[in-house]
N, C-alpha and C. Protein backbone atom coordinates (compact mmCIF):
# COMPACT_ATOMS: atom_id res chain seq x y z
N UNK A 1 1.23 -1.32 -0.17
CA UNK A 1 -0.27 0.21 -0.08
C UNK A 1 0.60 1.12 -0.27
N UNK A 2 1.72 1.57 0.88
CA UNK A 2 2.91 2.33 1.31
C UNK A 2 3.27 2.75 -0.94
N UNK A 3 3.73 1.96 -0.83
CA UNK A 3 4.71 1.45 -2.75
C UNK A 3 3.99 2.12 -3.57
N UNK A 4 2.26 2.09 -3.19
CA UNK A 4 1.25 2.57 -4.70
C UNK A 4 0.78 3.91 -4.33
N UNK A 5 1.12 4.18 -2.96
CA UNK A 5 0.59 5.85 -2.76
C UNK A 5 2.46 6.26 -2.68
N UNK A 6 3.15 6.15 -2.79
CA UNK A 6 4.68 6.44 -3.41
C UNK A 6 4.87 6.10 -4.33
N UNK A 7 4.34 5.83 -5.27
CA UNK A 7 4.40 6.15 -6.80
C UNK A 7 3.77 6.97 -6.92
N UNK A 8 2.06 7.30 -6.88
CA UNK A 8 1.37 7.89 -6.93
C UNK A 8 1.86 9.41 -6.31
N UNK A 9 2.43 9.68 -5.55
CA UNK A 9 2.89 11.07 -4.78
C UNK A 9 3.84 11.47 -6.03
N UNK A 10 5.00 10.63 -6.67
CA UNK A 10 6.60 11.24 -7.75
C UNK A 10 5.58 11.67 -8.38
N UNK A 11 4.56 10.58 -9.07
CA UNK A 11 3.80 10.88 -10.35
C UNK A 11 3.44 12.25 -10.40
N UNK A 12 2.52 12.30 -9.37
CA UNK A 12 2.14 13.81 -8.98
C UNK A 12 2.78 14.84 -9.27
N UNK A 13 3.78 14.77 -8.61
CA UNK A 13 5.04 15.54 -8.06
C UNK A 13 5.65 15.62 -9.78
N UNK A 14 5.61 14.91 -10.73
CA UNK A 14 6.45 15.51 -11.85
C UNK A 14 5.18 15.93 -12.86
N UNK A 15 4.25 15.25 -12.73
CA UNK A 15 2.54 16.32 -13.37
C UNK A 15 2.61 17.62 -12.88
N UNK A 16 3.51 17.60 -11.74
CA UNK A 16 2.95 19.15 -11.17
C UNK A 16 4.51 20.40 -11.85
N UNK A 17 5.49 19.35 -11.40
CA UNK A 17 6.41 20.41 -11.67
C UNK A 17 6.60 20.43 -13.79
N UNK A 18 5.78 19.50 -14.53
CA UNK A 18 6.19 19.83 -16.24
C UNK A 18 5.29 20.90 -16.04
N UNK A 19 3.61 21.46 -15.88
CA UNK A 19 3.02 22.28 -15.72
C UNK A 19 2.93 23.70 -14.55
N UNK A 20 3.86 23.89 -13.66
CA UNK A 20 4.11 25.13 -13.39
C UNK A 20 5.53 25.78 -13.54
N UNK A 21 6.43 25.01 -13.56
CA UNK A 21 8.07 25.11 -13.62
C UNK A 21 8.47 26.08 -15.22
N UNK A 22 8.66 27.24 -15.43
CA UNK A 22 9.07 27.54 -17.12
C UNK A 22 9.97 26.52 -17.68
N UNK A 23 9.82 26.63 -18.53
CA UNK A 23 10.72 25.26 -19.59
C UNK A 23 12.22 25.94 -19.73
N UNK A 24 12.91 25.45 -19.89
CA UNK A 24 14.95 25.85 -19.44
C UNK A 24 15.09 26.64 -20.75
N UNK A 25 14.14 26.52 -22.08
CA UNK A 25 14.29 27.84 -23.40
C UNK A 25 13.46 29.23 -23.46
N UNK A 26 13.02 28.59 -21.54
CA UNK A 26 11.83 30.02 -21.25
C UNK A 26 12.89 31.19 -20.41
N UNK A 27 13.52 30.61 -19.94
CA UNK A 27 14.62 31.22 -18.56
C UNK A 27 16.07 31.84 -19.17
N UNK A 28 16.38 30.65 -20.31
CA UNK A 28 17.96 30.96 -20.57
C UNK A 28 18.55 31.20 -21.96
N UNK A 29 18.72 32.59 -22.35
CA UNK A 29 19.19 32.81 -24.01
C UNK A 29 19.52 32.15 -24.90
N UNK A 30 19.51 32.07 -25.56
CA UNK A 30 19.59 31.41 -26.47
C UNK A 30 21.11 32.94 -27.32
N UNK A 31 22.63 32.24 -26.05
CA UNK A 31 23.94 32.99 -26.19
C UNK A 31 24.64 32.68 -27.26
N UNK A 32 24.33 31.84 -27.94
CA UNK A 32 25.65 30.43 -29.23
C UNK A 32 25.94 31.74 -30.28
N UNK A 33 24.77 32.26 -30.28
CA UNK A 33 24.71 33.01 -32.01
C UNK A 33 25.94 33.59 -32.13
N UNK A 34 25.86 34.53 -33.05
CA UNK A 34 26.84 36.15 -33.01
C UNK A 34 26.72 37.25 -32.20
N UNK A 35 27.85 37.05 -31.52
CA UNK A 35 27.88 38.27 -30.85
C UNK A 35 28.90 39.69 -30.64
N UNK A 36 29.06 40.23 -30.35
CA UNK A 36 29.98 41.65 -30.64
C UNK A 36 29.84 42.00 -29.45
N UNK A 37 31.20 42.11 -29.01
CA UNK A 37 31.95 43.17 -27.80
C UNK A 37 32.66 44.23 -27.88
N UNK A 38 32.88 45.56 -27.48
CA UNK A 38 33.95 46.18 -27.49
C UNK A 38 33.94 46.61 -26.39
N UNK A 39 35.26 46.65 -26.71
CA UNK A 39 36.31 47.49 -25.80
C UNK A 39 37.10 48.25 -25.55
N UNK A 40 37.60 49.23 -24.82
CA UNK A 40 38.14 50.31 -24.16
C UNK A 40 38.85 50.23 -23.57
N UNK A 41 40.16 51.11 -23.06
CA UNK A 41 40.98 51.56 -21.82
C UNK A 41 40.68 52.87 -21.94
N UNK A 42 40.30 53.83 -20.44
CA UNK A 42 40.93 54.79 -19.92
C UNK A 42 42.34 55.27 -19.10
N UNK A 43 43.50 55.15 -19.45
CA UNK A 43 44.43 55.11 -18.48
C UNK A 43 45.30 56.55 -17.52
N UNK A 44 45.41 56.00 -16.65
CA UNK A 44 46.01 57.63 -15.68
C UNK A 44 45.01 58.19 -15.56
N UNK A 45 43.62 58.05 -15.97
CA UNK A 45 42.54 58.74 -16.08
C UNK A 45 41.72 59.42 -13.88
N UNK A 46 42.42 60.79 -14.11
CA UNK A 46 42.49 61.72 -12.66
C UNK A 46 41.63 61.23 -12.20
N UNK A 47 40.95 61.50 -11.10
CA UNK A 47 39.45 61.79 -10.97
C UNK A 47 39.73 62.07 -9.32
N UNK A 48 39.10 63.17 -8.53
CA UNK A 48 38.86 63.84 -7.34
C UNK A 48 38.03 62.85 -6.15
N UNK A 49 37.84 61.79 -6.64
CA UNK A 49 37.02 61.13 -5.12
C UNK A 49 37.94 60.76 -3.93
N UNK A 50 37.83 60.53 -3.32
CA UNK A 50 38.72 60.01 -2.04
C UNK A 50 39.69 60.88 -1.82
N UNK A 51 39.27 62.30 -1.94
CA UNK A 51 41.12 63.16 -2.27
C UNK A 51 41.67 63.12 -3.64
N UNK A 52 41.43 62.65 -4.29
CA UNK A 52 41.98 61.62 -5.60
C UNK A 52 43.02 61.17 -5.96
N UNK A 53 42.91 60.49 -6.94
CA UNK A 53 43.12 59.11 -7.27
C UNK A 53 43.35 59.58 -8.74
N UNK A 54 44.47 58.46 -9.17
CA UNK A 54 44.63 57.64 -10.59
C UNK A 54 44.10 56.34 -10.78
N UNK A 55 42.95 56.33 -12.17
CA UNK A 55 42.43 54.97 -12.18
C UNK A 55 42.74 55.19 -13.60
N UNK A 56 43.11 53.56 -13.10
CA UNK A 56 42.92 52.58 -15.38
C UNK A 56 42.20 51.67 -15.61
N UNK A 57 41.31 52.46 -15.97
CA UNK A 57 39.62 51.82 -16.74
C UNK A 57 39.22 50.42 -17.90
N UNK A 58 39.43 49.76 -17.90
CA UNK A 58 38.99 49.28 -18.98
C UNK A 58 37.29 49.06 -18.86
N UNK A 59 36.85 49.37 -19.81
CA UNK A 59 35.15 49.01 -19.85
C UNK A 59 35.13 47.86 -21.12
N UNK A 60 34.55 46.84 -20.88
CA UNK A 60 34.12 45.61 -21.81
C UNK A 60 32.53 45.82 -22.09
N UNK A 61 32.31 45.89 -23.21
CA UNK A 61 30.31 45.51 -23.70
C UNK A 61 30.16 44.80 -24.43
N UNK A 62 29.09 44.41 -24.16
CA UNK A 62 28.49 43.39 -25.42
C UNK A 62 27.13 43.89 -25.84
N UNK A 63 26.96 44.40 -27.31
CA UNK A 63 25.06 44.50 -27.54
C UNK A 63 24.14 43.45 -27.28
N UNK A 64 22.98 43.78 -27.57
CA UNK A 64 22.10 42.99 -27.46
C UNK A 64 21.53 42.80 -29.01
N UNK A 65 21.17 41.76 -29.32
CA UNK A 65 21.18 41.76 -30.96
C UNK A 65 20.22 42.23 -31.45
N UNK A 66 19.30 42.87 -31.12
CA UNK A 66 18.40 44.41 -31.09
C UNK A 66 19.24 45.87 -32.25
N UNK A 67 20.06 45.66 -31.29
CA UNK A 67 21.58 46.50 -31.20
C UNK A 67 22.47 46.52 -32.62
N UNK A 68 22.50 44.67 -32.32
CA UNK A 68 23.09 44.89 -33.79
C UNK A 68 22.65 44.11 -35.02
N UNK A 69 20.94 44.21 -35.12
CA UNK A 69 19.97 43.95 -35.97
C UNK A 69 19.84 45.45 -36.28
N UNK A 70 19.78 46.24 -35.64
CA UNK A 70 19.05 47.90 -36.42
C UNK A 70 20.56 48.15 -36.56
N UNK A 71 21.61 48.02 -36.37
CA UNK A 71 23.11 48.96 -36.37
C UNK A 71 22.84 49.85 -35.66
N UNK A 72 22.20 49.63 -34.22
CA UNK A 72 22.63 51.12 -33.08
C UNK A 72 23.78 51.00 -31.89
N UNK A 73 24.61 51.52 -32.55
CA UNK A 73 26.44 51.28 -31.89
C UNK A 73 25.85 52.41 -30.98
N UNK A 74 26.69 52.47 -29.91
CA UNK A 74 26.54 53.21 -28.95
C UNK A 74 28.06 53.85 -29.37
N UNK A 75 27.53 55.55 -29.39
CA UNK A 75 28.67 56.08 -29.97
C UNK A 75 29.82 56.08 -28.51
N UNK A 76 31.22 55.80 -29.17
CA UNK A 76 32.20 55.34 -27.84
C UNK A 76 32.67 57.01 -27.12
N UNK A 77 32.98 58.23 -28.03
CA UNK A 77 33.29 59.33 -27.28
C UNK A 77 32.39 59.41 -26.66
N UNK A 78 30.76 59.39 -26.61
CA UNK A 78 29.63 59.48 -26.02
C UNK A 78 29.90 58.65 -24.70
N UNK A 79 30.32 57.25 -25.02
CA UNK A 79 30.27 57.21 -23.70
C UNK A 79 31.42 57.09 -22.97
N UNK A 80 32.19 57.45 -23.47
CA UNK A 80 33.72 58.69 -22.26
C UNK A 80 33.34 59.42 -22.25
N UNK A 81 32.20 60.21 -22.44
CA UNK A 81 31.73 61.90 -21.83
C UNK A 81 30.72 61.14 -20.49
N UNK A 82 30.11 60.95 -20.92
CA UNK A 82 29.16 59.58 -19.77
C UNK A 82 29.93 59.56 -18.36
N UNK A 83 31.01 58.58 -18.78
CA UNK A 83 32.00 58.22 -17.39
C UNK A 83 31.94 59.62 -17.30
N UNK A 84 33.37 60.66 -18.13
CA UNK A 84 33.68 61.40 -17.40
C UNK A 84 32.37 62.53 -15.95
N UNK A 85 31.49 62.69 -16.71
CA UNK A 85 30.04 63.56 -16.22
C UNK A 85 29.80 62.66 -14.82
N UNK A 86 29.74 61.01 -15.03
CA UNK A 86 29.54 60.76 -14.20
C UNK A 86 29.97 60.81 -12.82
N UNK A 87 31.86 60.58 -12.95
CA UNK A 87 32.87 60.95 -12.20
C UNK A 87 32.67 62.33 -11.03
N UNK A 88 32.41 63.80 -12.29
CA UNK A 88 32.62 65.07 -12.05
C UNK A 88 31.04 65.00 -10.63
N UNK A 89 30.21 64.37 -11.62
CA UNK A 89 28.89 65.10 -10.66
C UNK A 89 28.63 63.47 -9.60
N UNK A 90 29.14 62.56 -8.95
CA UNK A 90 29.15 61.55 -8.26
C UNK A 90 29.11 62.84 -7.02
N UNK A 91 28.30 62.69 -6.49
CA UNK A 91 28.20 63.23 -4.81
C UNK A 91 28.87 62.48 -3.66
N UNK A 92 28.93 61.05 -4.03
CA UNK A 92 29.30 60.69 -2.18
C UNK A 92 30.53 60.09 -1.70
N UNK A 93 31.69 61.36 -1.67
CA UNK A 93 33.14 61.22 -2.17
C UNK A 93 33.24 59.67 -1.35
N UNK A 94 32.89 59.96 0.15
CA UNK A 94 33.34 58.98 1.41
C UNK A 94 32.79 57.52 0.59
N UNK A 95 32.20 57.05 -0.67
CA UNK A 95 31.78 55.52 -1.09
C UNK A 95 33.18 54.84 -1.36
N UNK A 96 33.26 53.67 -1.00
CA UNK A 96 34.20 53.22 -1.33
C UNK A 96 33.81 52.70 -3.07
N UNK A 97 35.60 52.62 -3.32
CA UNK A 97 35.85 52.53 -4.87
C UNK A 97 35.10 51.12 -5.89
N UNK A 98 34.61 50.00 -4.51
CA UNK A 98 33.79 49.10 -5.25
C UNK A 98 32.32 49.79 -5.18
N UNK A 99 31.73 50.14 -3.86
CA UNK A 99 30.67 51.18 -4.74
C UNK A 99 30.36 52.19 -6.10
N UNK A 100 31.57 53.21 -5.93
CA UNK A 100 31.19 53.77 -7.21
C UNK A 100 31.40 53.02 -8.07
N UNK A 101 31.88 51.92 -8.72
CA UNK A 101 32.26 50.97 -9.95
C UNK A 101 31.07 50.53 -9.48
N UNK A 102 30.02 50.18 -8.80
CA UNK A 102 29.67 49.09 -9.26
C UNK A 102 28.62 50.67 -10.00
N UNK A 103 28.46 51.55 -8.69
CA UNK A 103 26.91 53.06 -9.32
C UNK A 103 27.98 53.43 -10.91
N UNK A 104 28.53 52.98 -11.43
CA UNK A 104 28.62 53.20 -12.76
C UNK A 104 28.43 52.73 -13.81
N UNK A 105 28.54 51.31 -13.94
CA UNK A 105 27.73 50.39 -14.70
C UNK A 105 26.29 50.05 -14.65
N UNK A 106 25.84 51.01 -13.01
CA UNK A 106 24.44 50.60 -13.68
C UNK A 106 24.01 52.05 -14.13
N UNK A 107 24.53 53.06 -14.37
CA UNK A 107 24.57 54.49 -14.92
C UNK A 107 24.47 54.01 -16.11
N UNK A 108 25.82 53.31 -16.98
CA UNK A 108 25.99 53.34 -18.57
C UNK A 108 24.60 52.61 -18.64
N UNK A 109 24.61 51.19 -17.81
CA UNK A 109 23.15 49.80 -18.07
C UNK A 109 21.53 50.74 -18.78
N UNK A 110 21.98 51.75 -17.81
CA UNK A 110 20.45 52.75 -17.76
C UNK A 110 20.91 53.56 -19.04
N UNK A 111 21.89 54.40 -19.17
CA UNK A 111 21.64 55.02 -20.23
C UNK A 111 21.77 54.56 -21.75
N UNK A 112 22.41 53.12 -21.55
CA UNK A 112 22.80 52.46 -22.98
C UNK A 112 21.96 51.48 -23.35
N UNK A 113 20.54 51.46 -23.56
CA UNK A 113 20.11 50.45 -23.76
C UNK A 113 20.44 48.77 -24.49
N UNK A 114 21.00 50.00 -25.91
CA UNK A 114 21.71 48.73 -26.79
C UNK A 114 23.10 47.85 -26.17
N UNK A 115 23.11 47.99 -24.48
CA UNK A 115 24.24 47.19 -24.28
C UNK A 115 23.71 46.13 -23.04
N UNK A 116 23.40 44.55 -23.14
CA UNK A 116 23.77 43.91 -23.02
C UNK A 116 23.48 43.14 -21.51
N UNK A 117 25.27 43.49 -21.87
CA UNK A 117 26.47 43.23 -20.71
C UNK A 117 27.18 44.45 -20.68
N UNK A 118 27.69 44.23 -19.31
CA UNK A 118 29.22 45.68 -19.20
C UNK A 118 29.92 45.37 -18.01
N UNK A 119 31.14 45.13 -18.30
CA UNK A 119 32.08 44.79 -16.93
C UNK A 119 32.89 46.12 -17.36
N UNK A 120 33.37 46.45 -15.94
CA UNK A 120 34.28 47.65 -15.70
C UNK A 120 35.30 46.91 -14.98
N UNK A 121 36.48 47.35 -14.74
CA UNK A 121 37.73 47.04 -14.52
C UNK A 121 38.17 48.40 -13.54
N UNK A 122 37.90 48.90 -12.93
CA UNK A 122 38.83 49.71 -11.99
C UNK A 122 39.70 49.99 -10.92
N UNK A 123 41.00 49.71 -11.54
CA UNK A 123 42.35 50.10 -11.03
C UNK A 123 42.65 51.39 -10.31
N UNK A 124 43.01 51.12 -9.31
CA UNK A 124 42.89 52.79 -8.25
C UNK A 124 44.56 52.31 -8.30
N UNK A 125 45.75 53.69 -8.39
CA UNK A 125 47.09 53.66 -7.84
C UNK A 125 46.97 53.80 -6.80
N UNK A 126 48.15 53.43 -6.26
CA UNK A 126 48.75 53.82 -5.07
C UNK A 126 48.74 55.30 -4.81
N UNK A 127 48.67 55.88 -3.53
CA UNK A 127 48.52 57.20 -2.65
C UNK A 127 49.65 56.93 -1.99
N UNK A 128 50.12 58.04 -1.03
CA UNK A 128 50.37 58.03 0.50
C UNK A 128 49.22 57.53 1.06
N UNK A 129 48.33 57.62 1.31
CA UNK A 129 47.47 57.22 2.16
C UNK A 129 47.75 55.84 2.24
N UNK A 130 47.10 54.88 0.62
CA UNK A 130 46.64 53.64 0.53
C UNK A 130 47.43 53.11 -0.37
N UNK A 131 48.92 53.10 -0.56
CA UNK A 131 50.04 52.96 -0.95
C UNK A 131 50.01 51.24 -1.28
N UNK A 132 48.53 51.12 -1.95
CA UNK A 132 48.94 49.55 -2.60
C UNK A 132 47.64 49.91 -3.69
N UNK A 133 48.36 49.45 -5.14
CA UNK A 133 47.64 48.91 -6.02
C UNK A 133 45.85 48.15 -5.74
N UNK A 134 45.06 49.03 -5.79
CA UNK A 134 43.66 48.26 -5.21
C UNK A 134 42.75 47.68 -6.65
N UNK A 135 42.09 47.29 -7.38
CA UNK A 135 41.13 47.23 -8.29
C UNK A 135 39.88 46.64 -7.77
N UNK A 136 38.64 46.86 -8.75
CA UNK A 136 37.54 46.29 -8.40
C UNK A 136 36.90 46.15 -9.70
N UNK A 137 36.32 45.23 -10.07
CA UNK A 137 35.71 44.25 -11.26
C UNK A 137 34.53 44.85 -11.09
N UNK A 138 33.55 45.07 -12.34
CA UNK A 138 32.21 44.72 -11.36
C UNK A 138 31.36 44.62 -13.15
N UNK A 139 31.01 43.35 -13.22
CA UNK A 139 30.11 42.65 -14.49
C UNK A 139 28.41 42.76 -13.75
N UNK A 140 27.68 43.18 -15.16
CA UNK A 140 26.25 43.71 -14.89
C UNK A 140 26.19 43.15 -15.96
N UNK A 141 24.70 41.87 -16.38
CA UNK A 141 24.17 41.23 -17.61
C UNK A 141 22.57 41.97 -17.09
N UNK A 142 21.81 42.58 -18.19
CA UNK A 142 20.66 42.50 -17.98
C UNK A 142 19.53 41.13 -18.17
N UNK A 143 18.64 41.53 -17.31
CA UNK A 143 18.01 39.65 -17.19
C UNK A 143 17.51 39.54 -18.65
N UNK A 144 17.17 38.28 -18.28
CA UNK A 144 17.42 37.40 -20.04
C UNK A 144 18.39 38.00 -20.98
N UNK A 145 19.63 38.49 -20.66
CA UNK A 145 20.80 39.09 -22.35
C UNK A 145 21.74 38.30 -21.59
N UNK A 146 22.15 37.76 -23.03
CA UNK A 146 23.63 37.14 -22.79
C UNK A 146 24.71 38.31 -21.95
N UNK A 147 25.64 36.89 -22.02
CA UNK A 147 26.82 37.87 -20.55
C UNK A 147 28.11 38.03 -21.52
N UNK A 148 28.82 38.86 -21.25
CA UNK A 148 30.10 39.42 -22.22
C UNK A 148 30.57 37.74 -21.57
N UNK A 149 31.49 37.15 -23.04
CA UNK A 149 32.77 35.31 -22.53
C UNK A 149 33.57 36.93 -23.05
N UNK A 150 34.10 36.67 -21.79
CA UNK A 150 35.94 37.30 -22.27
C UNK A 150 36.70 36.59 -21.00
């Protein structure tokens, strides 16, 4: 009797899962096709955050399939100018570098809808107060989009 109940219960659970769980194809984008990734560097980038520092920025982004199909590429100099403006207008001077970088990544993703995935490596050069080279790497991918493969 217990065995029949167990078999019935397992069959019931399997049927429930088939009808309630989304299929893998609905939750995972198809990322095996064509991809376009762009990178650029901003070496020796002076910034006034935390009293002043020199950054080495490495930016990499992947375009959405729609942007590629429509040839809707973001202008590289516009992205660079937006990074400049972000740093100039950044209000919280005491934020850790990791928070600053995370906010920069979100700012760029919010502004450029053509970008599906973005990675920024922010290297902070040593100073007298902090004599170590340190870096923050933030990578973010829009929901149901393909991420960078670097």
